[in-house]
Amino acid sequence: MKSLYTSVAALALLAGSAAAQDLKFAPGADARFNWASYEALKSMDLKGQSITILSPWLGPDKALVESVIAYFEAATGAKVNHSGSDSFEQQIVIDAEAGSPPDIAVFPQPGLAADLARKGFLRPLSAGTDAWLAANYAAGQSWADLGSYVGKDGSTQLYAFPFKADLKSLVWYVPENFSDAGYEVPATMEELKALTEKIAADGGTPWCIGLGSGGATGWPATDWVEDFMLRVNTPADYDAWVKNELKFSDPKVLAAIDEFGWFARNDKFVSGGAGAVASTDFRDSPKGLFSSPPQCYMHRQASFIPSFFPEGTVIGEDADFFYFPAYASKDLGSPVLGAGTMFAVMSDNPAANAFIEFLKSPIAHEVWMAQTGFLTPYKGVNTEVYGDATLRKMGDILLGATTFRFDGSDLMPGAVGAGVFWTGMVDYAGGKPAADVGAAIQATWDTLK
């Protein structure tokens, strides 16, 4: 019997060693990481406990999030069973209504999380978590509000913890083109408009803009309008707009649409002329940056767009980006438009709440930061950990935000945000007045229950 016990103990020790070796970055080995926050997790003894997590992540993203989860397992002794689904939105509803939800669900759409909270399928997060977000995330109250929903009892509470952000408020350019022409990166919207006019006056074309996207044609323009909703109106106006309390026909919304039109409906400002905007595929539109001579000098698009740059393009050298700036004259701070994922608890498993506490630790963010595809507004991390200078620069934009808002079209009913808003912006780019476009979009929203 003694030899049996000895063998079991040896196997357990080997298993523990294997788990430690499986960690992407050895604890204590790289002083840039906040290892103290990792050591603090060991005060949570969760040996023998397990957690199930369902997320939308597959492939490389699945491996990346699991590299983060491994630190929670190693520190606490808990076992986390994570599965990803390419039909997450449908699967989580089925599981919830069947009474077999995961302990934690990772929502890419706050609207879906809010809907499940309203039906009583989500559990409020631990008291004080909303205050923690407000204090520790840049534009923290924005993030706390993003995860706060009305529950089945009619009260508003924090149900979802934001973790992993995406950034949309970016303008891409080729530094060599700017240098050759003597142009400087603008710091305000006033300067951006002045630069646009100067490039046109110099005989160049300031912008490449394309709205084409097959059945989703028009969506790139919605990002422009959302960014301008945050630059000419207040955050409260933006929130009222995505809830249909501020109508598409309201002058405030029409003003944001016409701000987009200032850039997109001027033949001198857009590659191919204003008439080409709606028909140019968004994946092809940035290619003009790399022509010689350049067909355009700037392209406004989210952080994913380098995937469609010429092969071998080095960000920071061959191409770079800057923050899509705010108006200095409007005193609305530095708003950022983006997206992200939200972790929500769906069971009474106490270990699930412990996992949310883990997400408050710098190490949970830094492990993914040091790899790829991850941005965070957490002020407590060391930004030197970011895997490359591009991520670090994007992270700095997030940290500099005074307001963060989620992609507005994704918060609207599908028939609006992924329907008439898209087609309406195509009509607008083609010359239809903003008032007519806004009225038509609103007419559809008014028919929805």
Protein backbone atom coordinates (compact mmCIF):
# COMPACT_ATOMS: atom_id res chain seq x y z
CA MET A 1 0.00 0.00 0.00
CA LYS A 2 2.84 2.37 0.84
CA SER A 3 4.25 2.08 -2.67
CA LEU A 4 0.80 2.84 -4.11
CA TYR A 5 0.49 6.00 -2.02
CA THR A 6 4.03 6.98 -2.96
CA SER A 7 3.22 6.53 -6.63
CA VAL A 8 0.04 8.60 -6.34
CA ALA A 9 1.92 11.37 -4.55
CA ALA A 10 4.63 11.32 -7.19
CA LEU A 11 2.07 11.54 -9.97
CA ALA A 12 0.40 14.48 -8.23
CA LEU A 13 3.74 16.23 -7.92
CA LEU A 14 4.49 15.60 -11.57
CA ALA A 15 1.06 16.91 -12.53
CA GLY A 16 1.71 20.06 -10.52
CA SER A 17 5.06 20.53 -12.21
CA ALA A 18 3.47 20.05 -15.60
CA ALA A 19 0.86 22.67 -14.79
CA ALA A 20 3.57 25.13 -13.81
CA GLN A 21 5.47 24.40 -17.02
CA ASP A 22 2.32 24.97 -19.04
CA LEU A 23 2.16 28.61 -17.94
CA LYS A 24 3.11 30.85 -20.84
CA PHE A 25 5.39 33.05 -18.73
CA ALA A 26 7.14 31.59 -15.71
CA PRO A 27 6.01 33.36 -12.52
CA GLY A 28 8.71 35.70 -11.29
CA ALA A 29 10.90 35.32 -14.38
CA ASP A 30 10.04 38.61 -16.07
CA ALA A 31 9.98 41.63 -13.78
CA ARG A 32 7.64 43.56 -16.10
CA PHE A 33 4.72 41.42 -14.98
CA ASN A 34 2.83 42.09 -11.76
CA TRP A 35 3.68 38.79 -10.10
CA ALA A 36 2.53 40.08 -6.72
CA SER A 37 -1.02 40.04 -8.08
CA TYR A 38 -0.50 36.41 -9.13
CA GLU A 39 0.83 35.43 -5.70
CA ALA A 40 -2.16 37.15 -4.07
CA LEU A 41 -4.49 34.81 -5.96
CA LYS A 42 -3.12 31.88 -3.99
CA SER A 43 -5.14 33.06 -0.99
CA MET A 44 -8.18 31.67 -2.83
CA ASP A 45 -8.06 27.93 -2.15
CA LEU A 46 -10.40 26.39 -4.72
CA LYS A 47 -8.91 22.90 -4.92
CA GLY A 48 -11.53 20.39 -5.99
CA GLN A 49 -13.80 23.06 -7.43
CA SER A 50 -14.57 23.52 -11.13
CA ILE A 51 -15.95 26.24 -13.38
CA THR A 52 -17.48 26.01 -16.84
CA ILE A 53 -17.00 28.92 -19.26
CA LEU A 54 -18.62 29.36 -22.68
CA SER A 55 -17.16 31.98 -25.02
CA PRO A 56 -17.25 32.94 -28.71
CA TRP A 57 -13.51 32.25 -29.03
CA LEU A 58 -12.13 29.51 -31.27
CA GLY A 59 -8.73 28.87 -32.84
CA PRO A 60 -5.91 31.20 -31.75
CA ASP A 61 -8.19 33.28 -29.51
CA LYS A 62 -9.28 30.15 -27.66
CA ALA A 63 -5.66 29.24 -27.02
CA LEU A 64 -4.90 32.78 -25.86
CA VAL A 65 -7.71 33.00 -23.32
CA GLU A 66 -6.82 29.55 -22.04
CA SER A 67 -3.24 30.72 -21.50
CA VAL A 68 -4.75 33.32 -19.14
CA ILE A 69 -7.09 30.84 -17.46
CA ALA A 70 -4.09 28.63 -16.69
CA TYR A 71 -2.81 31.19 -14.17
CA PHE A 72 -6.11 31.13 -12.29
CA GLU A 73 -5.97 27.33 -12.18
CA ALA A 74 -2.34 27.24 -11.07
CA ALA A 75 -2.85 29.81 -8.31
CA THR A 76 -6.17 28.60 -6.90
CA GLY A 77 -6.26 24.89 -7.68
CA ALA A 78 -9.60 25.22 -9.46
CA LYS A 79 -10.33 23.42 -12.71
CA VAL A 80 -11.76 25.53 -15.52
CA ASN A 81 -13.53 23.85 -18.42
CA HIS A 82 -13.64 26.38 -21.25
CA SER A 83 -15.37 25.82 -24.57
CA GLY A 84 -15.75 28.17 -27.50
CA SER A 85 -18.61 28.31 -29.97
CA ASP A 86 -19.00 29.96 -33.35
CA SER A 87 -22.73 30.10 -32.63
CA PHE A 88 -22.35 31.50 -29.14
CA GLU A 89 -25.31 33.87 -29.39
CA GLN A 90 -27.71 31.04 -30.16
CA GLN A 91 -26.09 28.47 -27.86
CA ILE A 92 -26.13 30.61 -24.72
CA VAL A 93 -29.84 31.33 -25.11
CA ILE A 94 -30.61 27.62 -25.63
CA ASP A 95 -28.52 26.64 -22.59
CA ALA A 96 -30.05 29.32 -20.38
CA GLU A 97 -33.63 28.47 -21.29
CA ALA A 98 -32.91 24.75 -20.84
CA GLY A 99 -31.66 25.39 -17.31
CA SER A 100 -28.12 24.23 -18.09
CA PRO A 101 -26.06 27.39 -18.57
CA PRO A 102 -22.31 27.58 -18.04
CA ASP A 103 -21.08 29.12 -14.80
CA ILE A 104 -19.66 32.03 -16.82
CA ALA A 105 -20.54 33.27 -20.30
CA VAL A 106 -18.40 35.64 -22.35
CA PHE A 107 -20.65 38.01 -24.30
CA PRO A 108 -19.41 39.87 -27.40
CA GLN A 109 -22.72 41.80 -27.49
CA PRO A 110 -23.89 43.76 -24.42
CA GLY A 111 -27.42 43.74 -25.83
CA LEU A 112 -27.65 39.96 -25.54
CA ALA A 113 -26.30 40.06 -21.98
CA ALA A 114 -28.83 42.75 -21.07
CA ASP A 115 -31.65 40.64 -22.52
CA LEU A 116 -30.64 37.59 -20.47
CA ALA A 117 -30.25 39.72 -17.33
CA ARG A 118 -33.76 41.06 -17.82
CA LYS A 119 -35.06 37.48 -18.04
CA GLY A 120 -33.29 36.52 -14.81
CA PHE A 121 -30.57 34.33 -16.32
CA LEU A 122 -27.57 36.37 -15.10
CA ARG A 123 -26.37 36.82 -11.52
CA PRO A 124 -25.38 40.28 -10.22
CA LEU A 125 -21.63 40.56 -9.70
CA SER A 126 -20.18 41.04 -6.22
CA ALA A 127 -21.01 44.29 -4.44
CA GLY A 128 -18.43 46.98 -5.16
CA THR A 129 -17.36 45.63 -8.55
CA ASP A 130 -18.98 48.58 -10.32
CA ALA A 131 -17.06 50.99 -8.07
CA TRP A 132 -13.88 48.99 -8.78
CA LEU A 133 -14.36 49.42 -12.53
CA ALA A 134 -15.07 53.13 -12.16
CA ALA A 135 -11.86 53.58 -10.17
CA ASN A 136 -9.50 51.25 -12.02
CA TYR A 137 -10.45 51.45 -15.71
CA ALA A 138 -9.80 54.54 -17.82
CA ALA A 139 -13.21 56.11 -18.50
CA GLY A 140 -14.20 53.65 -15.80
CA GLN A 141 -17.76 54.78 -15.32
CA SER A 142 -18.34 54.11 -19.03
CA TRP A 143 -17.26 50.51 -18.54
CA ALA A 144 -19.31 50.06 -15.37
CA ASP A 145 -22.36 51.38 -17.19
CA LEU A 146 -21.70 49.05 -20.14
CA GLY A 147 -22.07 46.02 -17.86
CA SER A 148 -25.05 47.32 -15.86
CA TYR A 149 -28.50 46.10 -16.86
CA VAL A 150 -32.04 45.96 -15.57
CA GLY A 151 -32.67 42.61 -13.89
CA LYS A 152 -35.82 40.56 -13.59
CA ASP A 153 -36.70 42.45 -10.40
CA GLY A 154 -36.59 45.78 -12.26
CA SER A 155 -33.49 47.12 -10.54
CA THR A 156 -30.26 48.02 -12.35
CA GLN A 157 -27.13 46.19 -11.22
CA LEU A 158 -23.72 45.26 -12.60
CA TYR A 159 -24.04 41.91 -14.36
CA ALA A 160 -21.04 41.80 -16.72
CA PHE A 161 -17.32 42.43 -16.28
CA PRO A 162 -15.57 43.97 -19.33
CA PHE A 163 -12.37 42.16 -20.28
CA LYS A 164 -10.61 42.52 -23.67
CA ALA A 165 -11.41 45.69 -25.60
CA ASP A 166 -11.36 46.56 -29.30
CA LEU A 167 -10.58 50.02 -30.65
CA LYS A 168 -12.31 51.80 -33.53
CA SER A 169 -11.39 55.50 -33.27
CA LEU A 170 -8.29 55.30 -35.47
CA VAL A 171 -6.95 57.00 -38.59
CA TRP A 172 -4.33 55.12 -40.63
CA TYR A 173 -1.63 56.78 -42.74
CA VAL A 174 1.80 56.20 -44.29
CA PRO A 175 4.45 58.17 -42.35
CA GLU A 176 6.68 58.51 -45.43
CA ASN A 177 3.84 60.16 -47.38
CA PHE A 178 3.22 62.63 -44.55
CA SER A 179 6.94 63.35 -44.26
CA ASP A 180 7.42 63.88 -48.01
CA ALA A 181 4.51 66.32 -48.11
CA GLY A 182 5.37 68.07 -44.85
CA TYR A 183 2.15 67.09 -43.09
CA GLU A 184 1.89 66.59 -39.34
CA VAL A 185 -0.40 64.30 -37.38
CA PRO A 186 -3.41 66.37 -36.22
CA ALA A 187 -4.24 66.50 -32.52
CA THR A 188 -7.76 67.94 -32.80
CA MET A 189 -10.72 67.62 -35.15
CA GLU A 190 -10.18 71.21 -36.18
CA GLU A 191 -6.64 70.30 -37.22
CA LEU A 192 -7.82 67.16 -39.01
CA LYS A 193 -10.28 69.16 -41.08
CA ALA A 194 -7.62 71.78 -41.82
CA LEU A 195 -5.23 69.03 -42.94
CA THR A 196 -7.95 67.55 -45.16
CA GLU A 197 -8.43 70.93 -46.85
CA LYS A 198 -4.68 71.49 -47.21
CA ILE A 199 -4.07 68.12 -48.85
CA ALA A 200 -6.86 68.84 -51.34
CA ALA A 201 -5.48 72.34 -51.98
CA ASP A 202 -2.05 70.83 -52.62
CA GLY A 203 -3.57 68.66 -55.34
CA GLY A 204 -3.69 65.44 -53.31
CA THR A 205 -6.61 63.34 -52.13
CA PRO A 206 -6.99 63.29 -48.35
CA TRP A 207 -9.12 60.17 -47.79
CA CYS A 208 -9.84 56.65 -48.95
CA ILE A 209 -13.35 55.59 -47.87
CA GLY A 210 -15.17 52.42 -48.86
CA LEU A 211 -18.54 51.18 -47.63
CA GLY A 212 -18.79 47.99 -49.67
CA SER A 213 -19.14 44.76 -47.71
CA GLY A 214 -21.45 42.44 -49.64
CA GLY A 215 -24.73 42.04 -47.78
CA ALA A 216 -23.38 44.26 -45.00
CA THR A 217 -22.54 47.21 -47.28
CA GLY A 218 -22.78 50.48 -45.42
CA TRP A 219 -21.52 49.40 -42.00
CA PRO A 220 -18.20 51.33 -42.17
CA ALA A 221 -20.19 54.58 -42.36
CA THR A 222 -22.03 53.71 -39.14
CA ASP A 223 -18.68 53.76 -37.32
CA TRP A 224 -18.01 57.25 -38.66
CA VAL A 225 -21.40 58.45 -37.46
CA GLU A 226 -20.95 56.82 -34.05
CA ASP A 227 -17.55 58.46 -33.63
CA PHE A 228 -19.09 61.83 -34.51
CA MET A 229 -22.03 61.28 -32.16
CA LEU A 230 -19.36 61.30 -29.42
CA ARG A 231 -17.60 64.35 -30.83
CA VAL A 232 -20.49 66.75 -31.42
CA ASN A 233 -22.90 65.45 -28.76
CA THR A 234 -22.65 64.33 -25.14
CA PRO A 235 -22.24 60.73 -23.96
CA ALA A 236 -25.79 60.99 -22.60
CA ASP A 237 -27.02 61.87 -26.10
CA TYR A 238 -25.22 58.81 -27.46
CA ASP A 239 -26.83 56.58 -24.85
CA ALA A 240 -30.28 58.01 -25.57
CA TRP A 241 -29.72 57.48 -29.30
CA VAL A 242 -28.89 53.76 -29.06
CA LYS A 243 -31.98 53.29 -26.84
CA ASN A 244 -34.27 55.09 -29.34
CA GLU A 245 -34.89 57.90 -26.87
CA LEU A 246 -33.03 60.33 -29.15
CA LYS A 247 -34.48 59.74 -32.61
CA PHE A 248 -32.54 59.31 -35.85
CA SER A 249 -34.48 62.30 -37.11
CA ASP A 250 -33.24 64.50 -34.24
CA PRO A 251 -31.00 67.43 -35.29
CA LYS A 252 -28.23 66.09 -33.01
CA VAL A 253 -28.10 62.81 -34.93
CA LEU A 254 -28.40 64.53 -38.30
CA ALA A 255 -25.46 66.74 -37.32
CA ALA A 256 -23.32 63.65 -36.74
CA ILE A 257 -24.36 62.19 -40.09
CA ASP A 258 -23.48 65.45 -41.83
CA GLU A 259 -20.07 65.47 -40.13
CA PHE A 260 -19.39 62.19 -41.94
CA GLY A 261 -20.71 63.83 -45.10
CA TRP A 262 -18.21 66.67 -44.75
CA PHE A 263 -15.51 64.11 -45.50
CA ALA A 264 -17.29 61.54 -47.66
CA ARG A 265 -19.47 63.70 -49.95
CA ASN A 266 -16.78 66.06 -51.22
CA ASP A 267 -15.29 64.89 -54.53
CA LYS A 268 -11.98 66.57 -53.72
CA PHE A 269 -11.66 64.81 -50.37
CA VAL A 270 -12.20 61.16 -51.40
CA SER A 271 -10.28 58.85 -53.69
CA GLY A 272 -12.41 58.19 -56.77
CA GLY A 273 -14.77 61.01 -55.84
CA ALA A 274 -17.82 60.91 -53.59
CA GLY A 275 -19.62 58.64 -56.03
CA ALA A 276 -17.10 55.85 -55.41
CA VAL A 277 -17.55 55.71 -51.64
CA ALA A 278 -20.54 53.36 -51.54
CA SER A 279 -19.25 51.04 -54.28
CA THR A 280 -15.67 50.66 -53.03
CA ASP A 281 -15.16 47.55 -50.90
CA PHE A 282 -13.95 48.46 -47.43
CA ARG A 283 -11.21 45.81 -47.70
CA ASP A 284 -9.84 47.44 -50.83
CA SER A 285 -10.20 51.05 -49.73
CA PRO A 286 -6.96 51.38 -47.71
CA LYS A 287 -4.84 50.22 -50.64
CA GLY A 288 -4.69 53.78 -51.95
CA LEU A 289 -2.44 54.68 -49.01
CA PHE A 290 0.29 52.52 -50.50
CA SER A 291 0.12 53.64 -54.13
CA SER A 292 2.89 55.75 -55.65
CA PRO A 293 1.99 58.53 -55.79
CA PRO A 294 -0.53 57.99 -52.98
CA GLN A 295 -4.18 57.88 -54.03
CA CYS A 296 -5.03 59.06 -50.52
CA TYR A 297 -3.28 60.07 -47.32
CA MET A 298 -5.67 58.86 -44.59
CA HIS A 299 -8.10 56.04 -43.87
CA ARG A 300 -10.39 55.87 -40.82
CA GLN A 301 -10.93 52.31 -39.69
CA ALA A 302 -10.74 50.03 -36.64
CA SER A 303 -7.69 48.19 -35.36
CA PHE A 304 -8.27 45.13 -37.58
CA ILE A 305 -7.69 46.88 -40.93
CA PRO A 306 -3.95 46.08 -41.29
CA SER A 307 -5.11 42.56 -42.23
CA PHE A 308 -5.98 44.13 -45.61
CA PHE A 309 -2.75 46.11 -46.05
CA PRO A 310 -0.19 44.87 -48.59
CA GLU A 311 1.64 41.77 -47.44
CA GLY A 312 4.73 42.58 -45.44
CA THR A 313 3.52 46.00 -44.26
CA VAL A 314 5.20 46.84 -40.96
CA ILE A 315 3.02 48.88 -38.63
CA GLY A 316 4.97 51.75 -37.12
CA GLU A 317 7.20 51.96 -40.18
CA ASP A 318 5.37 51.40 -43.49
CA ALA A 319 2.05 52.45 -41.98
CA ASP A 320 0.94 53.96 -38.70
CA PHE A 321 -2.16 55.36 -37.02
CA PHE A 322 -3.37 58.15 -34.78
CA TYR A 323 -6.39 58.76 -32.60
CA PHE A 324 -9.44 60.05 -34.49
CA PRO A 325 -9.43 63.33 -32.60
CA ALA A 326 -12.11 65.27 -30.76
CA TYR A 327 -13.02 68.92 -31.25
CA ALA A 328 -10.94 71.18 -29.01
CA SER A 329 -13.78 73.69 -29.09
CA LYS A 330 -16.53 71.39 -27.80
CA ASP A 331 -15.08 70.36 -24.42
CA LEU A 332 -16.22 66.73 -24.73
CA GLY A 333 -12.93 65.21 -23.62
CA SER A 334 -11.30 62.35 -25.53
CA PRO A 335 -14.05 59.87 -26.44
CA VAL A 336 -13.23 56.45 -27.82
CA LEU A 337 -15.50 54.18 -29.84
CA GLY A 338 -14.92 50.47 -29.64
CA ALA A 339 -16.20 47.07 -28.68
CA GLY A 340 -15.18 44.23 -26.42
CA THR A 341 -16.27 41.19 -24.45
CA MET A 342 -18.12 40.94 -21.13
CA PHE A 343 -17.83 38.11 -18.58
CA ALA A 344 -21.12 37.33 -16.81
CA VAL A 345 -21.96 34.82 -14.07
CA MET A 346 -24.90 32.52 -14.80
CA SER A 347 -24.87 30.16 -11.80
CA ASP A 348 -24.57 30.16 -8.02
CA ASN A 349 -21.14 28.52 -8.17
CA PRO A 350 -18.99 30.60 -5.76
CA ALA A 351 -15.89 29.72 -7.78
CA ALA A 352 -17.39 31.69 -10.69
CA ASN A 353 -17.33 34.85 -8.56
CA ALA A 354 -13.73 34.04 -7.66
CA PHE A 355 -12.89 33.97 -11.38
CA ILE A 356 -14.35 37.48 -11.78
CA GLU A 357 -12.08 38.56 -8.91
CA PHE A 358 -9.19 37.05 -10.88
CA LEU A 359 -10.07 39.32 -13.81
CA LYS A 360 -9.42 42.29 -11.51
CA SER A 361 -5.78 41.23 -11.12
CA PRO A 362 -3.17 42.87 -13.36
CA ILE A 363 -1.68 39.48 -14.21
CA ALA A 364 -4.92 38.34 -15.85
CA HIS A 365 -4.57 41.21 -18.32
CA GLU A 366 -0.79 41.21 -18.69
CA VAL A 367 -0.54 37.55 -19.75
CA TRP A 368 -2.73 38.23 -22.79
CA MET A 369 -1.27 41.70 -23.37
CA ALA A 370 2.18 40.15 -23.76
CA GLN A 371 0.94 38.00 -26.63
CA THR A 372 -1.42 39.40 -29.29
CA GLY A 373 -4.94 40.63 -29.98
CA PHE A 374 -5.65 42.09 -26.55
CA LEU A 375 -6.24 45.65 -25.33
CA THR A 376 -7.26 46.77 -21.87
CA PRO A 377 -8.36 50.03 -20.23
CA TYR A 378 -7.05 48.77 -16.86
CA LYS A 379 -4.88 51.51 -15.35
CA GLY A 380 -3.12 49.04 -13.05
CA VAL A 381 -1.22 47.15 -15.74
CA ASN A 382 2.29 47.74 -16.99
CA THR A 383 1.89 48.78 -20.62
CA GLU A 384 5.52 47.79 -21.30
CA VAL A 385 4.24 44.20 -21.25
CA TYR A 386 2.35 44.64 -24.54
CA GLY A 387 3.60 42.24 -27.17
CA ASP A 388 4.43 44.98 -29.67
CA ALA A 389 4.56 48.75 -30.04
CA THR A 390 1.31 48.84 -32.04
CA LEU A 391 -0.70 47.25 -29.23
CA ARG A 392 0.99 49.52 -26.71
CA LYS A 393 0.07 52.62 -28.70
CA MET A 394 -3.54 51.45 -29.02
CA GLY A 395 -3.57 50.67 -25.32
CA ASP A 396 -2.39 54.19 -24.58
CA ILE A 397 -5.33 55.58 -26.59
CA LEU A 398 -7.70 53.50 -24.46
CA LEU A 399 -5.99 54.68 -21.29
CA GLY A 400 -6.32 58.29 -22.46
CA ALA A 401 -10.06 58.01 -23.06
CA THR A 402 -12.41 60.11 -20.95
CA THR A 403 -15.45 58.36 -22.42
CA PHE A 404 -15.77 54.89 -23.94
CA ARG A 405 -18.82 53.79 -25.86
CA PHE A 406 -19.62 50.46 -27.48
CA ASP A 407 -20.33 50.32 -31.21
CA GLY A 408 -23.81 51.86 -31.34
CA SER A 409 -25.19 49.87 -34.25
CA ASP A 410 -24.46 46.66 -32.31
CA LEU A 411 -26.59 47.96 -29.43
CA MET A 412 -29.58 48.68 -31.65
CA PRO A 413 -32.18 46.11 -32.82
CA GLY A 414 -30.81 44.08 -35.71
CA ALA A 415 -33.36 45.49 -38.17
CA VAL A 416 -31.93 48.93 -37.43
CA GLY A 417 -28.26 48.57 -36.52
CA ALA A 418 -27.59 45.79 -39.03
CA GLY A 419 -30.25 46.84 -41.51
CA VAL A 420 -31.68 50.25 -42.31
CA PHE A 421 -28.76 52.09 -40.66
CA TRP A 422 -26.43 50.38 -43.14
CA THR A 423 -28.62 50.97 -46.19
CA GLY A 424 -29.46 54.49 -45.07
CA MET A 425 -25.79 55.42 -44.99
CA VAL A 426 -25.36 54.08 -48.52
CA ASP A 427 -28.24 56.32 -49.59
CA TYR A 428 -26.64 59.24 -47.77
CA ALA A 429 -23.23 58.66 -49.37
CA GLY A 430 -25.07 58.69 -52.71
CA GLY A 431 -26.43 62.19 -52.05
CA LYS A 432 -29.71 61.68 -50.17
CA PRO A 433 -30.23 64.42 -47.53
CA ALA A 434 -29.47 63.50 -43.92
CA ALA A 435 -32.99 64.49 -42.88
CA ASP A 436 -34.54 62.04 -45.34
CA VAL A 437 -32.15 59.27 -44.32
CA GLY A 438 -32.75 59.85 -40.61
CA ALA A 439 -36.50 59.89 -41.08
CA ALA A 440 -36.45 56.63 -43.03
CA ILE A 441 -34.31 54.85 -40.43
CA GLN A 442 -36.54 56.13 -37.65
CA ALA A 443 -39.67 55.02 -39.46
CA THR A 444 -38.41 51.44 -39.40
CA TRP A 445 -37.42 51.62 -35.73
CA ASP A 446 -40.88 52.94 -34.89
CA THR A 447 -42.46 49.78 -36.33
CA LEU A 448 -40.49 47.49 -33.98
CA LYS A 449 -41.95 46.30 -30.73
